[in-house]
C-alpha cells in the first residue's frame, strides 16, 4: 500500500446542448480551474481526463448515453490501476453507474454513500426524464440489456447503500428501503441529533470498509435546487455536508468520488462551484495521509 498522492479528475457530460453553450463552458471551466488549484495546494498531482459528451440527448437515445457510461467505467478502472484516486464531475447521476462498474473491476465488495435529494426512476416522474435512472441501474433495476452493455457492471445491493439528504420519500419507498436494509438519513425529519451523527450511527450498523461517495449538489437545498429546476425544500446545508464527509472518512475508506452539478444560470455558477470545490477538497484533505487500499 502507498499514500494517496494522485487524483484522476474525470470530466463527464451528458447534455450536449448545454455542454458547448456559454453556461456549460463557464460552469465546467470555473469548476475545473478552482478545483485543480485547491487539490494541488493540498499536495496532490492532478490528471485531467475530459471525456467527450453524448452525441444526442438522453431522451432520444439511451443506448448512446450508456456508451458514455462505459467510457466513465474504463476511465475509473484505469485510474485505479494507476493508483490514482478517481473523482468524476458530471451533470447526470448516470456517471455513478460508470464509477460503480469501474470499481467492480478491482473491488469485490463496496458500499455506496449517496448524498442526493431524489430517489426516483423515470416511471415515477411525470416529466418522463431520465433523472434517477442512474441510481436505478446501480442497484440492478431497469433494462438488463442496457445494464449489461456497461463494461464491468455489477449491481450494488440496496443493503450496501446509504442515502443521505433525500427529500420526502413515499411510504412505499420508505418501506422498500427498510425491507432491504438500506439506510436513509436526513430526509427532512425533525431530529435532535445532527445529520452527521445519524449518518455515523447508520454506518456503524453496517458491515463494510470501502465506499464510493456520490454527491449530487441538489442535496444542498433551495439555493441549488432552484437553479436545477427542482424547486425542492431545503435538505442539507453546506456545513451538514462537510460534517457528513468527515464522518464518512472515519467510518469507511472512500475509493472513488462522484460529484453531480447542474448547468446553472450564470448568476448561480459561483455558488454551486464553491460548494463542489469545498466538498471535494474537504474529503481529499481527510484522505491525504491515508494508505491506498483499493484493489
C-alpha atoms as a PDB file:
ATOM      1  CA  UNK A   1       0.000   0.000   0.000  1.00  0.00           C
ATOM      2  CA  UNK A   2       1.097   3.585  -0.627  1.00  0.00           C
ATOM      3  CA  UNK A   3      -0.236   7.025   0.356  1.00  0.00           C
ATOM      4  CA  UNK A   4      -2.846   8.632  -1.885  1.00  0.00           C
ATOM      5  CA  UNK A   5      -0.987  11.381  -3.728  1.00  0.00           C
ATOM      6  CA  UNK A   6      -2.513  11.296  -7.238  1.00  0.00           C
ATOM      7  CA  UNK A   7      -6.009  12.232  -8.408  1.00  0.00           C
ATOM      8  CA  UNK A   8      -7.653  11.465 -11.750  1.00  0.00           C
ATOM      9  CA  UNK A   9     -10.207  14.205 -12.424  1.00  0.00           C
ATOM     10  CA  UNK A  10     -12.646  12.690 -14.915  1.00  0.00           C
ATOM     11  CA  UNK A  11     -14.924  15.234 -16.610  1.00  0.00           C
ATOM     12  CA  UNK A  12     -18.141  13.755 -17.982  1.00  0.00           C
ATOM     13  CA  UNK A  13     -21.119  15.443 -19.658  1.00  0.00           C
ATOM     14  CA  UNK A  14     -24.413  14.103 -20.995  1.00  0.00           C
ATOM     15  CA  UNK A  15     -26.271  17.244 -22.028  1.00  0.00           C
ATOM     16  CA  UNK A  16     -24.637  18.132 -25.313  1.00  0.00           C
ATOM     17  CA  UNK A  17     -26.920  21.131 -25.937  1.00  0.00           C
ATOM     18  CA  UNK A  18     -25.512  22.750 -22.790  1.00  0.00           C
ATOM     19  CA  UNK A  19     -22.002  21.312 -22.964  1.00  0.00           C
ATOM     20  CA  UNK A  20     -20.863  23.758 -25.640  1.00  0.00           C
ATOM     21  CA  UNK A  21     -23.040  26.687 -24.507  1.00  0.00           C
ATOM     22  CA  UNK A  22     -21.592  29.670 -22.680  1.00  0.00           C
ATOM     23  CA  UNK A  23     -23.224  28.459 -19.454  1.00  0.00           C
ATOM     24  CA  UNK A  24     -21.850  24.924 -19.751  1.00  0.00           C
ATOM     25  CA  UNK A  25     -18.358  26.086 -20.611  1.00  0.00           C
ATOM     26  CA  UNK A  26     -18.435  28.665 -17.805  1.00  0.00           C
ATOM     27  CA  UNK A  27     -19.515  26.138 -15.160  1.00  0.00           C
ATOM     28  CA  UNK A  28     -17.023  23.469 -16.250  1.00  0.00           C
ATOM     29  CA  UNK A  29     -14.102  25.845 -16.693  1.00  0.00           C
ATOM     30  CA  UNK A  30     -14.656  27.566 -13.353  1.00  0.00           C
ATOM     31  CA  UNK A  31     -15.116  24.281 -11.515  1.00  0.00           C
ATOM     32  CA  UNK A  32     -12.063  22.608 -13.034  1.00  0.00           C
ATOM     33  CA  UNK A  33      -9.824  25.658 -12.556  1.00  0.00           C
ATOM     34  CA  UNK A  34     -10.745  26.208  -8.917  1.00  0.00           C
ATOM     35  CA  UNK A  35     -10.729  22.522  -8.057  1.00  0.00           C
ATOM     36  CA  UNK A  36      -7.341  21.758  -9.617  1.00  0.00           C
ATOM     37  CA  UNK A  37      -5.820  24.748  -7.843  1.00  0.00           C
ATOM     38  CA  UNK A  38      -7.234  23.626  -4.477  1.00  0.00           C
ATOM     39  CA  UNK A  39      -6.202  19.988  -4.875  1.00  0.00           C
ATOM     40  CA  UNK A  40      -2.685  20.932  -5.944  1.00  0.00           C
ATOM     41  CA  UNK A  41      -2.417  23.158  -2.858  1.00  0.00           C
ATOM     42  CA  UNK A  42      -3.109  20.028  -0.792  1.00  0.00           C
ATOM     43  CA  UNK A  43      -0.108  18.324  -2.411  1.00  0.00           C
ATOM     44  CA  UNK A  44      -1.914  16.142  -4.953  1.00  0.00           C
ATOM     45  CA  UNK A  45      -0.833  15.538  -8.527  1.00  0.00           C
ATOM     46  CA  UNK A  46      -3.954  16.040 -10.657  1.00  0.00           C
ATOM     47  CA  UNK A  47      -4.506  14.306 -14.007  1.00  0.00           C
ATOM     48  CA  UNK A  48      -7.435  15.627 -16.074  1.00  0.00           C
ATOM     49  CA  UNK A  49      -9.395  13.278 -18.335  1.00  0.00           C
ATOM     50  CA  UNK A  50     -12.076  15.264 -20.200  1.00  0.00           C
ATOM     51  CA  UNK A  51     -14.401  12.729 -21.822  1.00  0.00           C
ATOM     52  CA  UNK A  52     -16.460  13.583 -24.886  1.00  0.00           C
ATOM     53  CA  UNK A  53     -20.177  14.224 -24.230  1.00  0.00           C
ATOM     54  CA  UNK A  54     -23.009  12.136 -25.659  1.00  0.00           C
ATOM     55  CA  UNK A  55     -23.767  12.835 -29.321  1.00  0.00           C
ATOM     56  CA  UNK A  56     -27.506  13.073 -28.668  1.00  0.00           C
ATOM     57  CA  UNK A  57     -29.884  13.941 -25.876  1.00  0.00           C
ATOM     58  CA  UNK A  58     -30.612  11.099 -23.445  1.00  0.00           C
ATOM     59  CA  UNK A  59     -34.388  11.243 -24.017  1.00  0.00           C
ATOM     60  CA  UNK A  60     -33.787  10.249 -27.641  1.00  0.00           C
ATOM     61  CA  UNK A  61     -31.043   7.642 -27.400  1.00  0.00           C
ATOM     62  CA  UNK A  62     -30.497   5.982 -24.013  1.00  0.00           C
ATOM     63  CA  UNK A  63     -28.211   3.485 -25.734  1.00  0.00           C
ATOM     64  CA  UNK A  64     -25.853   6.313 -26.687  1.00  0.00           C
ATOM     65  CA  UNK A  65     -25.903   7.526 -23.099  1.00  0.00           C
ATOM     66  CA  UNK A  66     -24.766   4.097 -21.960  1.00  0.00           C
ATOM     67  CA  UNK A  67     -21.777   4.343 -24.306  1.00  0.00           C
ATOM     68  CA  UNK A  68     -20.702   7.402 -22.326  1.00  0.00           C
ATOM     69  CA  UNK A  69     -21.222   5.452 -19.083  1.00  0.00           C
ATOM     70  CA  UNK A  70     -18.867   2.810 -20.473  1.00  0.00           C
ATOM     71  CA  UNK A  71     -16.244   5.491 -21.079  1.00  0.00           C
ATOM     72  CA  UNK A  72     -16.548   6.544 -17.432  1.00  0.00           C
ATOM     73  CA  UNK A  73     -16.186   2.913 -16.310  1.00  0.00           C
ATOM     74  CA  UNK A  74     -12.998   2.486 -18.328  1.00  0.00           C
ATOM     75  CA  UNK A  75     -11.576   5.799 -17.081  1.00  0.00           C
ATOM     76  CA  UNK A  76     -12.238   4.873 -13.440  1.00  0.00           C
ATOM     77  CA  UNK A  77     -10.755   1.387 -13.855  1.00  0.00           C
ATOM     78  CA  UNK A  78      -7.658   2.901 -15.483  1.00  0.00           C
ATOM     79  CA  UNK A  79      -7.265   5.442 -12.659  1.00  0.00           C
ATOM     80  CA  UNK A  80      -7.423   2.733 -10.000  1.00  0.00           C
ATOM     81  CA  UNK A  81      -4.943   0.595 -11.920  1.00  0.00           C
ATOM     82  CA  UNK A  82      -2.594   3.603 -11.857  1.00  0.00           C
ATOM     83  CA  UNK A  83      -3.133   4.116  -8.100  1.00  0.00           C
ATOM     84  CA  UNK A  84      -4.803   7.448  -8.813  1.00  0.00           C
ATOM     85  CA  UNK A  85      -7.943   8.380  -6.858  1.00  0.00           C
ATOM     86  CA  UNK A  86     -10.876   8.841  -9.305  1.00  0.00           C
ATOM     87  CA  UNK A  87     -13.051  11.941  -8.978  1.00  0.00           C
ATOM     88  CA  UNK A  88     -15.819  12.202 -11.572  1.00  0.00           C
ATOM     89  CA  UNK A  89     -17.545  15.524 -12.291  1.00  0.00           C
ATOM     90  CA  UNK A  90     -20.786  15.192 -14.262  1.00  0.00           C
ATOM     91  CA  UNK A  91     -24.182  16.740 -14.942  1.00  0.00           C
ATOM     92  CA  UNK A  92     -26.074  13.440 -14.548  1.00  0.00           C
ATOM     93  CA  UNK A  93     -26.249  10.702 -11.927  1.00  0.00           C
ATOM     94  CA  UNK A  94     -25.703   8.239 -14.794  1.00  0.00           C
ATOM     95  CA  UNK A  95     -21.998   8.879 -14.208  1.00  0.00           C
ATOM     96  CA  UNK A  96     -22.099   6.877 -10.977  1.00  0.00           C
ATOM     97  CA  UNK A  97     -23.190   3.797 -12.939  1.00  0.00           C
ATOM     98  CA  UNK A  98     -19.849   4.012 -14.719  1.00  0.00           C
ATOM     99  CA  UNK A  99     -17.974   4.677 -11.493  1.00  0.00           C
ATOM    100  CA  UNK A 100     -19.514   1.628  -9.805  1.00  0.00           C
ATOM    101  CA  UNK A 101     -18.732  -0.501 -12.871  1.00  0.00           C
ATOM    102  CA  UNK A 102     -15.133   0.736 -12.957  1.00  0.00           C
ATOM    103  CA  UNK A 103     -14.712  -0.013  -9.265  1.00  0.00           C
ATOM    104  CA  UNK A 104     -16.144  -3.507  -9.722  1.00  0.00           C
ATOM    105  CA  UNK A 105     -13.174  -4.404 -11.908  1.00  0.00           C
ATOM    106  CA  UNK A 106     -10.947  -4.058  -8.832  1.00  0.00           C
ATOM    107  CA  UNK A 107     -13.281  -4.366  -5.827  1.00  0.00           C
ATOM    108  CA  UNK A 108     -15.353  -7.404  -4.915  1.00  0.00           C
ATOM    109  CA  UNK A 109     -17.425  -5.513  -2.378  1.00  0.00           C
ATOM    110  CA  UNK A 110     -18.000  -1.851  -1.559  1.00  0.00           C
ATOM    111  CA  UNK A 111     -20.665   0.432  -0.117  1.00  0.00           C
ATOM    112  CA  UNK A 112     -22.194   3.448  -1.835  1.00  0.00           C
ATOM    113  CA  UNK A 113     -22.888   6.548   0.250  1.00  0.00           C
ATOM    114  CA  UNK A 114     -25.317   8.624  -1.783  1.00  0.00           C
ATOM    115  CA  UNK A 115     -25.848  12.311  -0.993  1.00  0.00           C
ATOM    116  CA  UNK A 116     -28.776  13.485  -3.089  1.00  0.00           C
ATOM    117  CA  UNK A 117     -32.308  14.840  -2.930  1.00  0.00           C
ATOM    118  CA  UNK A 118     -34.067  12.324  -5.190  1.00  0.00           C
ATOM    119  CA  UNK A 119     -34.947   8.648  -5.118  1.00  0.00           C
ATOM    120  CA  UNK A 120     -36.937   8.141  -8.301  1.00  0.00           C
ATOM    121  CA  UNK A 121     -36.891   6.179 -11.535  1.00  0.00           C
ATOM    122  CA  UNK A 122     -38.231   7.624 -14.832  1.00  0.00           C
ATOM    123  CA  UNK A 123     -41.513   5.756 -14.364  1.00  0.00           C
ATOM    124  CA  UNK A 124     -42.138   7.803 -11.223  1.00  0.00           C
ATOM    125  CA  UNK A 125     -41.514  11.151 -12.953  1.00  0.00           C
ATOM    126  CA  UNK A 126     -44.462  12.793 -14.654  1.00  0.00           C
ATOM    127  CA  UNK A 127     -41.963  14.540 -16.907  1.00  0.00           C
ATOM    128  CA  UNK A 128     -40.501  11.229 -18.096  1.00  0.00           C
ATOM    129  CA  UNK A 129     -36.941  12.482 -17.684  1.00  0.00           C
ATOM    130  CA  UNK A 130     -34.031  10.122 -17.091  1.00  0.00           C
ATOM    131  CA  UNK A 131     -33.011  11.685 -13.757  1.00  0.00           C
ATOM    132  CA  UNK A 132     -32.879   8.919 -11.160  1.00  0.00           C
ATOM    133  CA  UNK A 133     -32.178   6.211 -13.716  1.00  0.00           C
ATOM    134  CA  UNK A 134     -28.515   6.075 -12.722  1.00  0.00           C
ATOM    135  CA  UNK A 135     -29.447   5.094  -9.196  1.00  0.00           C
ATOM    136  CA  UNK A 136     -31.932   2.518 -10.505  1.00  0.00           C
ATOM    137  CA  UNK A 137     -29.252   0.932 -12.692  1.00  0.00           C
ATOM    138  CA  UNK A 138     -26.667   0.851  -9.899  1.00  0.00           C
ATOM    139  CA  UNK A 139     -28.962  -1.312  -7.767  1.00  0.00           C
ATOM    140  CA  UNK A 140     -29.919  -3.586 -10.691  1.00  0.00           C
ATOM    141  CA  UNK A 141     -33.270  -2.206 -11.845  1.00  0.00           C
ATOM    142  CA  UNK A 142     -34.366  -1.220 -15.348  1.00  0.00           C
ATOM    143  CA  UNK A 143     -33.345  -2.726 -18.672  1.00  0.00           C
ATOM    144  CA  UNK A 144     -30.988  -5.671 -18.266  1.00  0.00           C
ATOM    145  CA  UNK A 145     -29.743  -5.221 -21.831  1.00  0.00           C
ATOM    146  CA  UNK A 146     -28.699  -1.636 -21.096  1.00  0.00           C
ATOM    147  CA  UNK A 147     -27.050  -2.605 -17.806  1.00  0.00           C
ATOM    148  CA  UNK A 148     -25.081  -5.415 -19.389  1.00  0.00           C
ATOM    149  CA  UNK A 149     -23.775  -3.042 -22.071  1.00  0.00           C
ATOM    150  CA  UNK A 150     -21.663  -1.236 -19.441  1.00  0.00           C
ATOM    151  CA  UNK A 151     -18.238  -2.928 -19.096  1.00  0.00           C
ATOM    152  CA  UNK A 152     -17.719  -4.338 -15.610  1.00  0.00           C
ATOM    153  CA  UNK A 153     -21.261  -3.572 -14.455  1.00  0.00           C
ATOM    154  CA  UNK A 154     -22.391  -5.450 -11.368  1.00  0.00           C
ATOM    155  CA  UNK A 155     -25.345  -4.426  -9.165  1.00  0.00           C
ATOM    156  CA  UNK A 156     -24.750  -2.910  -5.752  1.00  0.00           C
ATOM    157  CA  UNK A 157     -27.243  -4.448  -3.288  1.00  0.00           C
ATOM    158  CA  UNK A 158     -29.537  -1.840  -1.752  1.00  0.00           C
ATOM    159  CA  UNK A 159     -28.401  -3.188   1.607  1.00  0.00           C
ATOM    160  CA  UNK A 160     -24.963  -1.721   0.817  1.00  0.00           C
ATOM    161  CA  UNK A 161     -26.432   1.730   0.086  1.00  0.00           C
ATOM    162  CA  UNK A 162     -26.729   4.646   2.495  1.00  0.00           C
ATOM    163  CA  UNK A 163     -28.858   7.597   1.358  1.00  0.00           C
ATOM    164  CA  UNK A 164     -28.289  10.974   2.973  1.00  0.00           C
ATOM    165  CA  UNK A 165     -30.117  14.243   2.278  1.00  0.00           C
ATOM    166  CA  UNK A 166     -33.124  12.926   0.388  1.00  0.00           C
ATOM    167  CA  UNK A 167     -36.380  14.828   0.483  1.00  0.00           C
ATOM    168  CA  UNK A 168     -39.783  13.275   1.172  1.00  0.00           C
ATOM    169  CA  UNK A 169     -39.843   9.594   0.291  1.00  0.00           C
ATOM    170  CA  UNK A 170     -43.228   7.991  -0.313  1.00  0.00           C
ATOM    171  CA  UNK A 171     -44.426   5.429   2.218  1.00  0.00           C
ATOM    172  CA  UNK A 172     -43.855   2.698  -0.386  1.00  0.00           C
ATOM    173  CA  UNK A 173     -40.268   3.787  -0.987  1.00  0.00           C
ATOM    174  CA  UNK A 174     -39.548   4.013   2.736  1.00  0.00           C
ATOM    175  CA  UNK A 175     -40.939   0.514   3.337  1.00  0.00           C
ATOM    176  CA  UNK A 176     -38.943  -0.954   0.447  1.00  0.00           C
ATOM    177  CA  UNK A 177     -35.667   0.632   1.590  1.00  0.00           C
ATOM    178  CA  UNK A 178     -36.185  -0.625   5.129  1.00  0.00           C
ATOM    179  CA  UNK A 179     -37.041  -4.095   3.802  1.00  0.00           C
ATOM    180  CA  UNK A 180     -33.695  -4.410   2.037  1.00  0.00           C
ATOM    181  CA  UNK A 181     -31.768  -2.851   4.955  1.00  0.00           C
ATOM    182  CA  UNK A 182     -30.749   0.311   3.081  1.00  0.00           C
ATOM    183  CA  UNK A 183     -30.071   3.270   5.368  1.00  0.00           C
ATOM    184  CA  UNK A 184     -31.825   6.609   4.884  1.00  0.00           C
ATOM    185  CA  UNK A 185     -30.569   9.646   6.805  1.00  0.00           C
ATOM    186  CA  UNK A 186     -31.703  13.245   6.833  1.00  0.00           C
ATOM    187  CA  UNK A 187     -34.918  13.177   4.829  1.00  0.00           C
ATOM    188  CA  UNK A 188     -36.316  16.320   6.416  1.00  0.00           C
ATOM    189  CA  UNK A 189     -37.013  14.658   9.746  1.00  0.00           C
ATOM    190  CA  UNK A 190     -37.141  16.814  12.848  1.00  0.00           C
ATOM    191  CA  UNK A 191     -34.393  15.197  14.886  1.00  0.00           C
ATOM    192  CA  UNK A 192     -32.490  16.401  17.919  1.00  0.00           C
ATOM    193  CA  UNK A 193     -29.226  14.831  16.693  1.00  0.00           C
ATOM    194  CA  UNK A 194     -27.271  16.249  13.775  1.00  0.00           C
ATOM    195  CA  UNK A 195     -27.444  14.624  10.364  1.00  0.00           C
ATOM    196  CA  UNK A 196     -23.734  13.795  10.607  1.00  0.00           C
ATOM    197  CA  UNK A 197     -24.270  11.987  13.917  1.00  0.00           C
ATOM    198  CA  UNK A 198     -27.157   9.996  12.468  1.00  0.00           C
ATOM    199  CA  UNK A 199     -25.084   9.117   9.423  1.00  0.00           C
ATOM    200  CA  UNK A 200     -22.349   7.815  11.710  1.00  0.00           C
ATOM    201  CA  UNK A 201     -24.875   5.678  13.576  1.00  0.00           C
ATOM    202  CA  UNK A 202     -26.190   4.283  10.283  1.00  0.00           C
ATOM    203  CA  UNK A 203     -22.719   3.356   9.069  1.00  0.00           C
ATOM    204  CA  UNK A 204     -21.902   1.785  12.438  1.00  0.00           C
ATOM    205  CA  UNK A 205     -24.827  -0.579  11.893  1.00  0.00           C
ATOM    206  CA  UNK A 206     -23.476  -1.795   8.535  1.00  0.00           C
ATOM    207  CA  UNK A 207     -20.556  -4.063   7.829  1.00  0.00           C
ATOM    208  CA  UNK A 208     -18.210  -2.604   5.245  1.00  0.00           C
ATOM    209  CA  UNK A 209     -14.871  -0.946   4.659  1.00  0.00           C
ATOM    210  CA  UNK A 210     -14.523   0.667   1.218  1.00  0.00           C
ATOM    211  CA  UNK A 211     -17.064   3.020  -0.319  1.00  0.00           C
ATOM    212  CA  UNK A 212     -17.934   5.062  -3.365  1.00  0.00           C
ATOM    213  CA  UNK A 213     -19.126   8.548  -2.363  1.00  0.00           C
ATOM    214  CA  UNK A 214     -21.754  10.126  -4.629  1.00  0.00           C
ATOM    215  CA  UNK A 215     -22.669  13.796  -4.092  1.00  0.00           C
ATOM    216  CA  UNK A 216     -25.459  15.413  -6.082  1.00  0.00           C
ATOM    217  CA  UNK A 217     -25.355  19.112  -5.254  1.00  0.00           C
ATOM    218  CA  UNK A 218     -29.153  19.192  -5.295  1.00  0.00           C
ATOM    219  CA  UNK A 219     -28.960  17.785  -1.757  1.00  0.00           C
ATOM    220  CA  UNK A 220     -27.913  21.234  -0.542  1.00  0.00           C
ATOM    221  CA  UNK A 221     -31.399  22.695  -0.662  1.00  0.00           C
ATOM    222  CA  UNK A 222     -33.158  25.672  -2.198  1.00  0.00           C
ATOM    223  CA  UNK A 223     -30.122  27.691  -3.236  1.00  0.00           C
ATOM    224  CA  UNK A 224     -29.010  24.924  -5.610  1.00  0.00           C
ATOM    225  CA  UNK A 225     -32.301  23.136  -6.268  1.00  0.00           C
ATOM    226  CA  UNK A 226     -33.996  26.167  -7.777  1.00  0.00           C
ATOM    227  CA  UNK A 227     -31.337  26.600 -10.459  1.00  0.00           C
ATOM    228  CA  UNK A 228     -31.659  22.909 -11.278  1.00  0.00           C
ATOM    229  CA  UNK A 229     -35.398  23.372 -11.838  1.00  0.00           C
ATOM    230  CA  UNK A 230     -36.396  21.219  -8.872  1.00  0.00           C
ATOM    231  CA  UNK A 231     -37.991  23.767  -6.516  1.00  0.00           C
ATOM    232  CA  UNK A 232     -37.442  21.408  -3.569  1.00  0.00           C
ATOM    233  CA  UNK A 233     -37.427  22.129   0.163  1.00  0.00           C
ATOM    234  CA  UNK A 234     -34.087  22.527   1.915  1.00  0.00           C
ATOM    235  CA  UNK A 235     -32.286  19.294   2.723  1.00  0.00           C
ATOM    236  CA  UNK A 236     -28.646  19.619   3.790  1.00  0.00           C
ATOM    237  CA  UNK A 237     -26.667  22.767   4.473  1.00  0.00           C
ATOM    238  CA  UNK A 238     -23.128  23.065   3.170  1.00  0.00           C
ATOM    239  CA  UNK A 239     -21.835  22.603   6.733  1.00  0.00           C
ATOM    240  CA  UNK A 240     -24.028  19.494   7.123  1.00  0.00           C
ATOM    241  CA  UNK A 241     -22.435  18.011   4.017  1.00  0.00           C
ATOM    242  CA  UNK A 242     -18.875  18.765   5.135  1.00  0.00           C
ATOM    243  CA  UNK A 243     -19.529  17.216   8.565  1.00  0.00           C
ATOM    244  CA  UNK A 244     -21.056  14.154   6.899  1.00  0.00           C
ATOM    245  CA  UNK A 245     -17.944  13.747   4.753  1.00  0.00           C
ATOM    246  CA  UNK A 246     -15.785  13.778   7.881  1.00  0.00           C
ATOM    247  CA  UNK A 247     -17.959  11.027   9.355  1.00  0.00           C
ATOM    248  CA  UNK A 248     -17.763   9.080   6.104  1.00  0.00           C
ATOM    249  CA  UNK A 249     -13.954   9.193   6.083  1.00  0.00           C
ATOM    250  CA  UNK A 250     -13.853   7.901   9.666  1.00  0.00           C
ATOM    251  CA  UNK A 251     -16.292   5.049   9.121  1.00  0.00           C
ATOM    252  CA  UNK A 252     -15.245   3.969   5.617  1.00  0.00           C
ATOM    253  CA  UNK A 253     -12.322   4.215   3.198  1.00  0.00           C
ATOM    254  CA  UNK A 254     -13.559   6.177   0.157  1.00  0.00           C
ATOM    255  CA  UNK A 255     -12.119   4.772  -3.068  1.00  0.00           C
ATOM    256  CA  UNK A 256     -13.962   6.990  -5.576  1.00  0.00           C
ATOM    257  CA  UNK A 257     -15.962  10.201  -5.594  1.00  0.00           C
ATOM    258  CA  UNK A 258     -18.671  11.421  -7.965  1.00  0.00           C
ATOM    259  CA  UNK A 259     -19.994  14.994  -7.858  1.00  0.00           C
ATOM    260  CA  UNK A 260     -23.106  15.899  -9.863  1.00  0.00           C
ATOM    261  CA  UNK A 261     -23.556  19.569 -10.712  1.00  0.00           C
ATOM    262  CA  UNK A 262     -26.240  21.397 -12.653  1.00  0.00           C
ATOM    263  CA  UNK A 263     -25.504  23.647 -15.579  1.00  0.00           C
ATOM    264  CA  UNK A 264     -26.553  26.648 -13.548  1.00  0.00           C
ATOM    265  CA  UNK A 265     -27.858  30.010 -14.539  1.00  0.00           C
ATOM    266  CA  UNK A 266     -24.887  32.331 -14.786  1.00  0.00           C
ATOM    267  CA  UNK A 267     -25.592  34.139 -11.501  1.00  0.00           C
ATOM    268  CA  UNK A 268     -25.672  30.821  -9.630  1.00  0.00           C
ATOM    269  CA  UNK A 269     -22.475  29.358 -11.091  1.00  0.00           C
ATOM    270  CA  UNK A 270     -20.119  30.645  -8.384  1.00  0.00           C
ATOM    271  CA  UNK A 271     -22.371  29.349  -5.607  1.00  0.00           C
ATOM    272  CA  UNK A 272     -22.521  25.830  -6.986  1.00  0.00           C
ATOM    273  CA  UNK A 273     -18.848  25.698  -7.954  1.00  0.00           C
ATOM    274  CA  UNK A 274     -17.785  26.825  -4.481  1.00  0.00           C
ATOM    275  CA  UNK A 275     -19.984  24.143  -2.900  1.00  0.00           C
ATOM    276  CA  UNK A 276     -18.442  21.458  -5.114  1.00  0.00           C
ATOM    277  CA  UNK A 277     -14.868  22.611  -4.502  1.00  0.00           C
ATOM    278  CA  UNK A 278     -15.426  22.769  -0.735  1.00  0.00           C
ATOM    279  CA  UNK A 279     -16.886  19.266  -0.580  1.00  0.00           C
ATOM    280  CA  UNK A 280     -14.240  17.653  -2.773  1.00  0.00           C
ATOM    281  CA  UNK A 281     -11.283  19.364  -1.129  1.00  0.00           C
ATOM    282  CA  UNK A 282     -12.581  18.562   2.360  1.00  0.00           C
ATOM    283  CA  UNK A 283     -12.806  14.850   1.583  1.00  0.00           C
ATOM    284  CA  UNK A 284      -9.412  14.772  -0.122  1.00  0.00           C
ATOM    285  CA  UNK A 285      -7.821  16.646   2.785  1.00  0.00           C
ATOM    286  CA  UNK A 286      -9.180  13.982   5.114  1.00  0.00           C
ATOM    287  CA  UNK A 287      -7.756  11.243   2.856  1.00  0.00           C
ATOM    288  CA  UNK A 288      -4.399  12.908   2.289  1.00  0.00           C
ATOM    289  CA  UNK A 289      -2.482  10.759   4.759  1.00  0.00           C
ATOM    290  CA  UNK A 290      -4.447   7.556   4.225  1.00  0.00           C
ATOM    291  CA  UNK A 291      -2.915   4.479   2.598  1.00  0.00           C
ATOM    292  CA  UNK A 292      -4.255   3.485  -0.833  1.00  0.00           C
ATOM    293  CA  UNK A 293      -6.362   0.384  -0.187  1.00  0.00           C
ATOM    294  CA  UNK A 294      -8.134  -0.239  -3.482  1.00  0.00           C
ATOM    295  CA  UNK A 295      -7.589  -3.448  -5.345  1.00  0.00           C
END
